[in-house]
Amino acid sequence: MKSEDVAHYLQDHPEFFEQYSDLLNLVTLSDPHSGRAISITEKQMLKLRDKVRALEAKLAELITFGEENDVISGKVHGLAVALVVAGDHAGVSRALYSHLGGAFAVPHVTLRLWGASRGDGLEFEPVTDAVKAFASGLQQPYCGAVAGQESLAWFGDSAAHLRSMTQVALREPGGTCFGLLVMASEEAHRFYPELGTLYLERIGDMAAAALLRVAD
C-alpha cells in the first residue's frame, strides 16, 4: 500500500481516529525545533501555535500601517485647512511649501504653473513643451530616480545632491494639466517606484483646486 493510499483512506474515513484514538498519542513525529519525538497531537498544537504567532505578527503589522495612515491623514488634513484659508496665490504657495517641507518633512519642494495662470514668482517661470507633455501624460504621480527628469534643474544648486523625486500633475476639473508639483530628496529610497500614490494624488487635487481658486 502506498502512502497516498493511506492518506486518502484517512481523509475518507475520519472516524478512524475516533475508533483508534490512542494512536494519536502512540504515533510520534520529530519536533522540527528540538528534534525530540512528539505525538501527533503535540505536532498539531505546535502548528496551531505557529499559525497564531503568524496571525499575531500580521495583526501587529496591520495596526502599524493603520497608525501610520492616521498620522498621514492628519498631515493631509492640516494641509487642506491651510489651503482653504489661503486667500491668494502667495498664501496657497506658502501653505504648500510650509506643510510639505514641515509636517511631511520633504526637504525640497517646487512648483511650476502654465496655461491661464499668470504671476511673478518662480512658479510662473517658463517650462518646455517636453515638461508640459510629460505632466499631461502622467496617469499617477511619478515616483523614482531623478536621472533624466527635466524638473531636476528647477532645484538649482541642490539638484546635484538629489536622488529621488515625485512629480504630481496639477489638473483642471476637466482634466487639462496646468502645472507640476515636484518634491525631491537626497535619499534614493524616499520616493521609490512602488510607493503608494493615494495621498500624493489627494495632495495634487487639493493643490490644484486651491491654485485655480486664487488664479488671477
Protein backbone atom coordinates (compact mmCIF):
# COMPACT_ATOMS: atom_id res chain seq x y z
CA MET A 1 0.00 0.00 0.00
CA LYS A 2 1.33 3.40 -0.96
CA SER A 3 1.45 6.37 1.43
CA GLU A 4 -1.00 8.18 -0.85
CA ASP A 5 -3.50 5.35 -0.36
CA VAL A 6 -3.19 5.68 3.42
CA ALA A 7 -3.70 9.44 3.20
CA HIS A 8 -6.80 9.04 1.03
CA TYR A 9 -8.21 6.39 3.33
CA LEU A 10 -7.81 8.60 6.41
CA GLN A 11 -9.41 11.53 4.58
CA ASP A 12 -12.35 9.38 3.55
CA HIS A 13 -12.70 7.78 6.99
CA PRO A 14 -12.24 10.46 9.66
CA GLU A 15 -13.96 8.18 12.16
CA PHE A 16 -10.80 6.04 12.16
CA PHE A 17 -9.19 8.31 14.77
CA GLU A 18 -12.30 8.13 16.91
CA GLN A 19 -12.13 4.34 16.88
CA TYR A 20 -8.37 4.28 17.48
CA SER A 21 -7.85 7.46 19.47
CA ASP A 22 -4.88 6.02 21.34
CA LEU A 23 -2.89 6.03 18.11
CA LEU A 24 -2.72 9.82 18.26
CA ASN A 25 -0.55 9.52 21.35
CA LEU A 26 1.33 6.40 20.29
CA VAL A 27 2.48 7.62 16.87
CA THR A 28 5.40 10.00 17.27
CA LEU A 29 6.96 12.55 14.94
CA SER A 30 10.10 14.63 15.11
CA ASP A 31 9.80 18.11 16.58
CA PRO A 32 11.26 20.48 13.93
CA HIS A 33 12.56 22.79 16.67
CA SER A 34 14.04 20.46 19.29
CA GLY A 35 14.33 17.22 17.32
CA ARG A 36 12.69 15.22 20.10
CA ALA A 37 9.89 12.75 19.42
CA ILE A 38 6.39 14.15 19.95
CA SER A 39 2.88 12.83 19.42
CA ILE A 40 0.63 13.81 16.55
CA THR A 41 -1.48 15.79 19.00
CA GLU A 42 1.56 17.77 20.13
CA LYS A 43 2.53 18.28 16.49
CA GLN A 44 -0.88 19.79 15.76
CA MET A 45 -0.62 22.03 18.80
CA LEU A 46 2.76 23.29 17.62
CA LYS A 47 1.31 24.02 14.17
CA LEU A 48 -1.58 25.91 15.74
CA ARG A 49 0.85 27.95 17.86
CA ASP A 50 2.89 28.80 14.76
CA LYS A 51 -0.29 29.92 12.97
CA VAL A 52 -1.29 32.03 15.96
CA ARG A 53 2.15 33.67 16.02
CA ALA A 54 1.91 34.39 12.28
CA LEU A 55 -1.57 35.90 12.71
CA GLU A 56 -0.39 38.00 15.65
CA ALA A 57 2.54 39.29 13.59
CA LYS A 58 0.20 40.13 10.69
CA LEU A 59 -2.21 41.89 13.03
CA ALA A 60 0.63 43.92 14.52
CA GLU A 61 1.73 44.88 11.01
CA LEU A 62 -1.80 45.97 10.07
CA ILE A 63 -2.08 48.03 13.27
CA THR A 64 1.22 49.73 12.46
CA PHE A 65 0.03 50.52 8.92
CA GLY A 66 -3.22 51.88 10.33
CA GLU A 67 -1.40 54.12 12.80
CA GLU A 68 0.91 55.39 10.05
CA ASN A 69 -2.08 56.14 7.82
CA ASP A 70 -3.75 58.03 10.68
CA VAL A 71 -0.65 60.21 11.02
CA ILE A 72 -0.51 60.89 7.27
CA SER A 73 -4.24 61.64 7.19
CA GLY A 74 -3.73 64.19 9.95
CA LYS A 75 -0.98 65.89 7.95
CA VAL A 76 -3.13 65.93 4.80
CA HIS A 77 -5.99 67.43 6.81
CA GLY A 78 -3.70 70.16 8.14
CA LEU A 79 -2.59 71.00 4.60
CA ALA A 80 -6.20 71.04 3.39
CA VAL A 81 -7.20 73.52 6.10
CA ALA A 82 -4.24 75.78 5.26
CA LEU A 83 -5.13 75.74 1.56
CA VAL A 84 -8.77 76.59 2.30
CA VAL A 85 -7.74 79.52 4.50
CA ALA A 86 -5.26 80.92 1.94
CA GLY A 87 -6.76 83.92 0.18
CA ASP A 88 -4.33 84.46 -2.68
CA HIS A 89 -1.67 82.73 -4.75
CA ALA A 90 1.12 83.66 -2.36
CA GLY A 91 -0.83 82.18 0.54
CA VAL A 92 -1.50 78.93 -1.31
CA SER A 93 2.17 78.63 -2.26
CA ARG A 94 3.27 79.27 1.33
CA ALA A 95 0.85 76.62 2.59
CA LEU A 96 2.22 74.06 0.15
CA TYR A 97 5.87 74.80 0.87
CA SER A 98 5.48 75.06 4.65
CA HIS A 99 3.36 71.93 5.11
CA LEU A 100 5.19 69.70 2.63
CA GLY A 101 8.55 70.84 3.95
CA GLY A 102 7.41 70.84 7.60
CA ALA A 103 4.81 68.24 8.57
CA PHE A 104 5.72 65.94 5.67
CA ALA A 105 9.46 66.57 6.05
CA VAL A 106 10.10 66.77 2.30
CA PRO A 107 13.39 68.65 2.04
CA HIS A 108 12.91 70.08 -1.47
CA VAL A 109 9.61 71.27 -2.97
CA THR A 110 8.99 73.31 -6.10
CA LEU A 111 6.07 74.19 -8.32
CA ARG A 112 5.57 75.28 -11.92
CA LEU A 113 2.36 76.65 -13.43
CA TRP A 114 1.40 77.46 -17.02
CA GLY A 115 -1.69 77.98 -19.16
CA ALA A 116 -4.08 80.62 -17.82
CA SER A 117 -2.02 81.12 -14.63
CA ARG A 118 0.00 84.32 -14.50
CA GLY A 119 2.30 85.79 -11.84
CA ASP A 120 5.79 86.91 -10.90
CA GLY A 121 7.16 84.10 -8.74
CA LEU A 122 9.35 81.15 -9.61
CA GLU A 123 6.18 79.12 -10.07
CA PHE A 124 5.45 81.04 -13.28
CA GLU A 125 8.85 80.65 -14.94
CA PRO A 126 8.54 79.20 -18.46
CA VAL A 127 8.71 75.44 -18.88
CA THR A 128 9.45 73.45 -22.01
CA ASP A 129 6.86 71.71 -24.13
CA ALA A 130 8.51 68.44 -23.10
CA VAL A 131 7.70 69.11 -19.43
CA LYS A 132 4.11 70.03 -20.28
CA ALA A 133 3.72 66.86 -22.32
CA PHE A 134 5.27 64.76 -19.53
CA ALA A 135 2.94 66.25 -16.91
CA SER A 136 -0.12 65.87 -19.13
CA GLY A 137 0.71 62.22 -19.71
CA LEU A 138 1.01 61.28 -16.04
CA GLN A 139 -1.73 58.84 -15.10
CA GLN A 140 -0.50 58.90 -11.50
CA PRO A 141 2.32 60.72 -9.69
CA TYR A 142 5.81 59.81 -10.85
CA CYS A 143 7.98 58.32 -8.10
CA GLY A 144 11.55 57.30 -8.75
CA ALA A 145 15.07 58.39 -9.58
CA VAL A 146 15.88 61.95 -10.60
CA ALA A 147 18.05 60.86 -13.53
CA GLY A 148 16.65 62.07 -16.83
CA GLN A 149 13.97 64.28 -15.23
CA GLU A 150 13.98 67.81 -16.63
CA SER A 151 12.38 69.22 -13.50
CA LEU A 152 15.55 68.36 -11.54
CA ALA A 153 17.08 71.62 -12.82
CA TRP A 154 14.36 73.59 -11.02
CA PHE A 155 16.13 72.91 -7.71
CA GLY A 156 19.21 74.93 -8.68
CA ASP A 157 22.40 74.16 -6.75
CA SER A 158 20.65 71.47 -4.71
CA ALA A 159 19.96 69.39 -7.83
CA ALA A 160 23.39 67.71 -7.74
CA HIS A 161 22.61 66.15 -4.35
CA LEU A 162 19.10 64.87 -5.08
CA ARG A 163 18.49 61.16 -5.69
CA SER A 164 14.73 60.60 -5.79
CA MET A 165 11.61 62.62 -6.54
CA THR A 166 7.87 62.58 -7.03
CA GLN A 167 6.12 64.68 -9.68
CA VAL A 168 2.41 65.35 -9.31
CA ALA A 169 0.38 66.77 -12.20
CA LEU A 170 -2.00 69.61 -11.35
CA ARG A 171 -5.21 69.48 -13.37
CA GLU A 172 -8.34 71.48 -14.00
CA PRO A 173 -11.71 69.76 -13.33
CA GLY A 174 -11.89 68.78 -17.00
CA GLY A 175 -8.51 67.05 -16.84
CA THR A 176 -6.36 69.69 -18.55
CA CYS A 177 -2.93 69.86 -16.92
CA PHE A 178 -1.83 73.37 -15.88
CA GLY A 179 1.08 72.69 -13.54
CA LEU A 180 3.51 70.30 -11.88
CA LEU A 181 4.25 69.90 -8.18
CA VAL A 182 7.69 68.35 -7.59
CA MET A 183 9.11 67.01 -4.32
CA ALA A 184 12.64 65.64 -4.05
CA SER A 185 15.04 64.15 -1.55
CA GLU A 186 18.71 63.28 -1.14
CA GLU A 187 17.59 59.79 -0.10
CA ALA A 188 17.42 57.36 -3.03
CA HIS A 189 14.55 55.40 -1.47
CA ARG A 190 12.41 58.30 -0.24
CA PHE A 191 10.35 58.28 -3.45
CA TYR A 192 10.62 54.81 -4.97
CA PRO A 193 8.64 53.40 -7.95
CA GLU A 194 6.49 51.07 -5.81
CA LEU A 195 5.49 53.85 -3.40
CA GLY A 196 1.74 54.17 -2.88
CA THR A 197 0.45 57.34 -4.52
CA LEU A 198 -3.02 57.75 -2.98
CA TYR A 199 -2.05 60.59 -0.65
CA LEU A 200 0.12 62.20 -3.33
CA GLU A 201 -2.88 62.23 -5.66
CA ARG A 202 -5.05 63.81 -2.97
CA ILE A 203 -2.43 66.46 -2.28
CA GLY A 204 -2.28 67.16 -6.01
CA ASP A 205 -6.06 67.51 -6.22
CA MET A 206 -6.16 69.86 -3.22
CA ALA A 207 -3.27 71.97 -4.51
CA ALA A 208 -4.83 72.24 -7.96
CA ALA A 209 -8.22 73.28 -6.57
CA ALA A 210 -6.64 75.89 -4.31
CA LEU A 211 -4.44 77.33 -7.09
CA LEU A 212 -7.35 77.55 -9.52
CA ARG A 213 -9.45 79.31 -6.86
CA VAL A 214 -6.91 82.10 -6.43
CA ALA A 215 -5.80 82.33 -10.09
CA ASP A 216 -5.75 85.86 -11.48
